[in-house]
Amino acid sequence: MNRATLTLLALLLICALSLVAAQQRARKLFVALERAQIEERKLNQEWLRLEYEQRNLSKSARIRDLARNQLHMVPISPERTLYLRDAQ
Protein backbone atom coordinates (compact mmCIF):
# COMPACT_ATOMS: atom_id res chain seq x y z
CA MET A 1 0.00 0.00 0.00
CA ASN A 2 1.22 3.40 -0.72
CA ARG A 3 1.41 6.37 1.59
CA ALA A 4 -1.76 8.12 0.27
CA THR A 5 -3.88 5.02 0.87
CA LEU A 6 -2.65 4.71 4.46
CA THR A 7 -3.32 8.40 5.07
CA LEU A 8 -6.85 8.13 3.69
CA LEU A 9 -7.46 4.98 5.74
CA ALA A 10 -6.31 6.73 8.93
CA LEU A 11 -8.46 9.76 8.08
CA LEU A 12 -11.47 7.50 7.46
CA LEU A 13 -10.90 5.75 10.79
CA ILE A 14 -10.70 9.09 12.63
CA CYS A 15 -13.91 10.28 10.96
CA ALA A 16 -15.72 7.06 11.85
CA LEU A 17 -14.63 7.32 15.49
CA SER A 18 -15.68 10.96 15.71
CA LEU A 19 -19.07 10.06 14.18
CA VAL A 20 -19.58 7.36 16.83
CA ALA A 21 -18.60 9.81 19.59
CA ALA A 22 -20.98 12.46 18.21
CA GLN A 23 -23.85 9.96 18.10
CA GLN A 24 -23.15 8.91 21.68
CA ARG A 25 -23.17 12.54 22.83
CA ALA A 26 -26.45 13.10 20.96
CA ARG A 27 -28.00 10.07 22.69
CA LYS A 28 -26.89 11.31 26.11
CA LEU A 29 -28.29 14.77 25.41
CA PHE A 30 -31.57 13.28 24.21
CA VAL A 31 -31.90 11.22 27.40
CA ALA A 32 -31.13 14.31 29.50
CA LEU A 33 -33.75 16.27 27.54
CA GLU A 34 -36.37 13.58 28.15
CA ARG A 35 -35.60 13.56 31.87
CA ALA A 36 -35.84 17.35 32.03
CA GLN A 37 -39.20 17.28 30.23
CA ILE A 38 -40.53 14.66 32.64
CA GLU A 39 -39.36 16.79 35.57
CA GLU A 40 -40.99 19.84 33.98
CA ARG A 41 -44.31 18.00 33.71
CA LYS A 42 -44.11 16.89 37.35
CA LEU A 43 -43.34 20.43 38.50
CA ASN A 44 -46.17 21.79 36.35
CA GLN A 45 -48.62 19.35 37.92
CA GLU A 46 -47.38 20.27 41.40
CA TRP A 47 -47.78 23.98 40.59
CA LEU A 48 -51.35 23.46 39.39
CA ARG A 49 -52.15 21.44 42.51
CA LEU A 50 -50.74 24.17 44.74
CA GLU A 51 -52.70 26.87 42.91
CA TYR A 52 -55.89 24.83 43.31
CA GLU A 53 -55.18 24.33 47.00
CA GLN A 54 -54.51 28.05 47.46
CA ARG A 55 -57.82 28.93 45.78
CA ASN A 56 -59.67 26.51 48.05
CA LEU A 57 -57.98 27.81 51.16
CA SER A 58 -58.79 31.41 50.33
CA LYS A 59 -62.51 30.93 49.69
CA SER A 60 -64.63 33.15 51.92
CA ALA A 61 -66.86 30.31 53.11
CA ARG A 62 -63.85 28.39 54.36
CA ILE A 63 -62.51 31.50 56.09
CA ARG A 64 -65.91 32.09 57.71
CA ASP A 65 -66.09 28.48 58.94
CA LEU A 66 -62.58 28.65 60.39
CA ALA A 67 -63.40 31.94 62.12
CA ARG A 68 -66.53 30.47 63.70
CA ASN A 69 -65.12 27.09 64.68
CA GLN A 70 -61.52 27.74 65.63
CA LEU A 71 -61.65 31.36 66.74
CA HIS A 72 -65.21 31.19 68.14
CA MET A 73 -66.21 34.37 66.34
CA VAL A 74 -69.87 35.26 65.84
CA PRO A 75 -71.55 37.58 63.33
CA ILE A 76 -72.19 41.15 64.42
CA SER A 77 -75.68 41.80 65.79
CA PRO A 78 -77.21 45.24 66.48
CA GLU A 79 -77.90 44.45 70.15
CA ARG A 80 -74.23 43.66 70.77
CA THR A 81 -72.99 46.78 69.00
CA LEU A 82 -71.79 49.63 71.16
CA TYR A 83 -71.92 53.11 69.61
CA LEU A 84 -69.71 55.87 70.96
CA ARG A 85 -70.52 59.50 70.50
CA ASP A 86 -68.18 62.42 70.48
CA ALA A 87 -68.51 64.53 73.65
CA GLN A 88 -68.86 67.87 71.84
C-alpha atoms as a PDB file:
ATOM      1  CA  MET A   1       0.000   0.000   0.000  1.00  0.00           C
ATOM      2  CA  ASN A   2       1.216   3.403  -0.716  1.00  0.00           C
ATOM      3  CA  ARG A   3       1.408   6.365   1.587  1.00  0.00           C
ATOM      4  CA  ALA A   4      -1.762   8.119   0.266  1.00  0.00           C
ATOM      5  CA  THR A   5      -3.877   5.018   0.869  1.00  0.00           C
ATOM      6  CA  LEU A   6      -2.647   4.705   4.462  1.00  0.00           C
ATOM      7  CA  THR A   7      -3.322   8.397   5.073  1.00  0.00           C
ATOM      8  CA  LEU A   8      -6.846   8.128   3.689  1.00  0.00           C
ATOM      9  CA  LEU A   9      -7.462   4.980   5.739  1.00  0.00           C
ATOM     10  CA  ALA A  10      -6.314   6.732   8.931  1.00  0.00           C
ATOM     11  CA  LEU A  11      -8.463   9.759   8.084  1.00  0.00           C
ATOM     12  CA  LEU A  12     -11.466   7.497   7.462  1.00  0.00           C
ATOM     13  CA  LEU A  13     -10.901   5.749  10.787  1.00  0.00           C
ATOM     14  CA  ILE A  14     -10.702   9.088  12.634  1.00  0.00           C
ATOM     15  CA  CYS A  15     -13.912  10.285  10.962  1.00  0.00           C
ATOM     16  CA  ALA A  16     -15.718   7.063  11.852  1.00  0.00           C
ATOM     17  CA  LEU A  17     -14.630   7.322  15.492  1.00  0.00           C
ATOM     18  CA  SER A  18     -15.681  10.959  15.707  1.00  0.00           C
ATOM     19  CA  LEU A  19     -19.074  10.055  14.184  1.00  0.00           C
ATOM     20  CA  VAL A  20     -19.582   7.363  16.834  1.00  0.00           C
ATOM     21  CA  ALA A  21     -18.601   9.811  19.588  1.00  0.00           C
ATOM     22  CA  ALA A  22     -20.979  12.456  18.213  1.00  0.00           C
ATOM     23  CA  GLN A  23     -23.852   9.957  18.105  1.00  0.00           C
ATOM     24  CA  GLN A  24     -23.146   8.912  21.683  1.00  0.00           C
ATOM     25  CA  ARG A  25     -23.174  12.541  22.825  1.00  0.00           C
ATOM     26  CA  ALA A  26     -26.446  13.100  20.961  1.00  0.00           C
ATOM     27  CA  ARG A  27     -28.001  10.074  22.691  1.00  0.00           C
ATOM     28  CA  LYS A  28     -26.885  11.308  26.108  1.00  0.00           C
ATOM     29  CA  LEU A  29     -28.294  14.765  25.411  1.00  0.00           C
ATOM     30  CA  PHE A  30     -31.574  13.282  24.212  1.00  0.00           C
ATOM     31  CA  VAL A  31     -31.905  11.218  27.400  1.00  0.00           C
ATOM     32  CA  ALA A  32     -31.128  14.312  29.498  1.00  0.00           C
ATOM     33  CA  LEU A  33     -33.754  16.274  27.545  1.00  0.00           C
ATOM     34  CA  GLU A  34     -36.365  13.580  28.148  1.00  0.00           C
ATOM     35  CA  ARG A  35     -35.604  13.556  31.875  1.00  0.00           C
ATOM     36  CA  ALA A  36     -35.837  17.345  32.026  1.00  0.00           C
ATOM     37  CA  GLN A  37     -39.202  17.278  30.228  1.00  0.00           C
ATOM     38  CA  ILE A  38     -40.528  14.657  32.642  1.00  0.00           C
ATOM     39  CA  GLU A  39     -39.357  16.792  35.571  1.00  0.00           C
ATOM     40  CA  GLU A  40     -40.989  19.842  33.977  1.00  0.00           C
ATOM     41  CA  ARG A  41     -44.313  18.001  33.708  1.00  0.00           C
ATOM     42  CA  LYS A  42     -44.106  16.889  37.346  1.00  0.00           C
ATOM     43  CA  LEU A  43     -43.339  20.425  38.500  1.00  0.00           C
ATOM     44  CA  ASN A  44     -46.170  21.789  36.352  1.00  0.00           C
ATOM     45  CA  GLN A  45     -48.623  19.353  37.919  1.00  0.00           C
ATOM     46  CA  GLU A  46     -47.380  20.273  41.399  1.00  0.00           C
ATOM     47  CA  TRP A  47     -47.780  23.979  40.586  1.00  0.00           C
ATOM     48  CA  LEU A  48     -51.350  23.457  39.391  1.00  0.00           C
ATOM     49  CA  ARG A  49     -52.153  21.443  42.506  1.00  0.00           C
ATOM     50  CA  LEU A  50     -50.739  24.174  44.741  1.00  0.00           C
ATOM     51  CA  GLU A  51     -52.702  26.873  42.907  1.00  0.00           C
ATOM     52  CA  TYR A  52     -55.891  24.827  43.306  1.00  0.00           C
ATOM     53  CA  GLU A  53     -55.176  24.331  47.001  1.00  0.00           C
ATOM     54  CA  GLN A  54     -54.514  28.048  47.458  1.00  0.00           C
ATOM     55  CA  ARG A  55     -57.818  28.934  45.783  1.00  0.00           C
ATOM     56  CA  ASN A  56     -59.670  26.510  48.049  1.00  0.00           C
ATOM     57  CA  LEU A  57     -57.975  27.806  51.161  1.00  0.00           C
ATOM     58  CA  SER A  58     -58.790  31.410  50.332  1.00  0.00           C
ATOM     59  CA  LYS A  59     -62.505  30.934  49.688  1.00  0.00           C
ATOM     60  CA  SER A  60     -64.626  33.148  51.916  1.00  0.00           C
ATOM     61  CA  ALA A  61     -66.862  30.306  53.112  1.00  0.00           C
ATOM     62  CA  ARG A  62     -63.850  28.387  54.361  1.00  0.00           C
ATOM     63  CA  ILE A  63     -62.513  31.496  56.093  1.00  0.00           C
ATOM     64  CA  ARG A  64     -65.915  32.094  57.714  1.00  0.00           C
ATOM     65  CA  ASP A  65     -66.085  28.484  58.944  1.00  0.00           C
ATOM     66  CA  LEU A  66     -62.581  28.651  60.393  1.00  0.00           C
ATOM     67  CA  ALA A  67     -63.402  31.940  62.123  1.00  0.00           C
ATOM     68  CA  ARG A  68     -66.535  30.473  63.698  1.00  0.00           C
ATOM     69  CA  ASN A  69     -65.124  27.089  64.678  1.00  0.00           C
ATOM     70  CA  GLN A  70     -61.516  27.739  65.626  1.00  0.00           C
ATOM     71  CA  LEU A  71     -61.649  31.364  66.742  1.00  0.00           C
ATOM     72  CA  HIS A  72     -65.205  31.189  68.137  1.00  0.00           C
ATOM     73  CA  MET A  73     -66.209  34.366  66.343  1.00  0.00           C
ATOM     74  CA  VAL A  74     -69.865  35.256  65.836  1.00  0.00           C
ATOM     75  CA  PRO A  75     -71.546  37.581  63.335  1.00  0.00           C
ATOM     76  CA  ILE A  76     -72.195  41.148  64.423  1.00  0.00           C
ATOM     77  CA  SER A  77     -75.677  41.803  65.786  1.00  0.00           C
ATOM     78  CA  PRO A  78     -77.207  45.235  66.482  1.00  0.00           C
ATOM     79  CA  GLU A  79     -77.897  44.451  70.154  1.00  0.00           C
ATOM     80  CA  ARG A  80     -74.234  43.660  70.767  1.00  0.00           C
ATOM     81  CA  THR A  81     -72.994  46.783  68.997  1.00  0.00           C
ATOM     82  CA  LEU A  82     -71.792  49.632  71.158  1.00  0.00           C
ATOM     83  CA  TYR A  83     -71.923  53.105  69.609  1.00  0.00           C
ATOM     84  CA  LEU A  84     -69.710  55.874  70.963  1.00  0.00           C
ATOM     85  CA  ARG A  85     -70.516  59.501  70.495  1.00  0.00           C
ATOM     86  CA  ASP A  86     -68.183  62.424  70.482  1.00  0.00           C
ATOM     87  CA  ALA A  87     -68.506  64.532  73.651  1.00  0.00           C
ATOM     88  CA  GLN A  88     -68.858  67.873  71.840  1.00  0.00           C
END
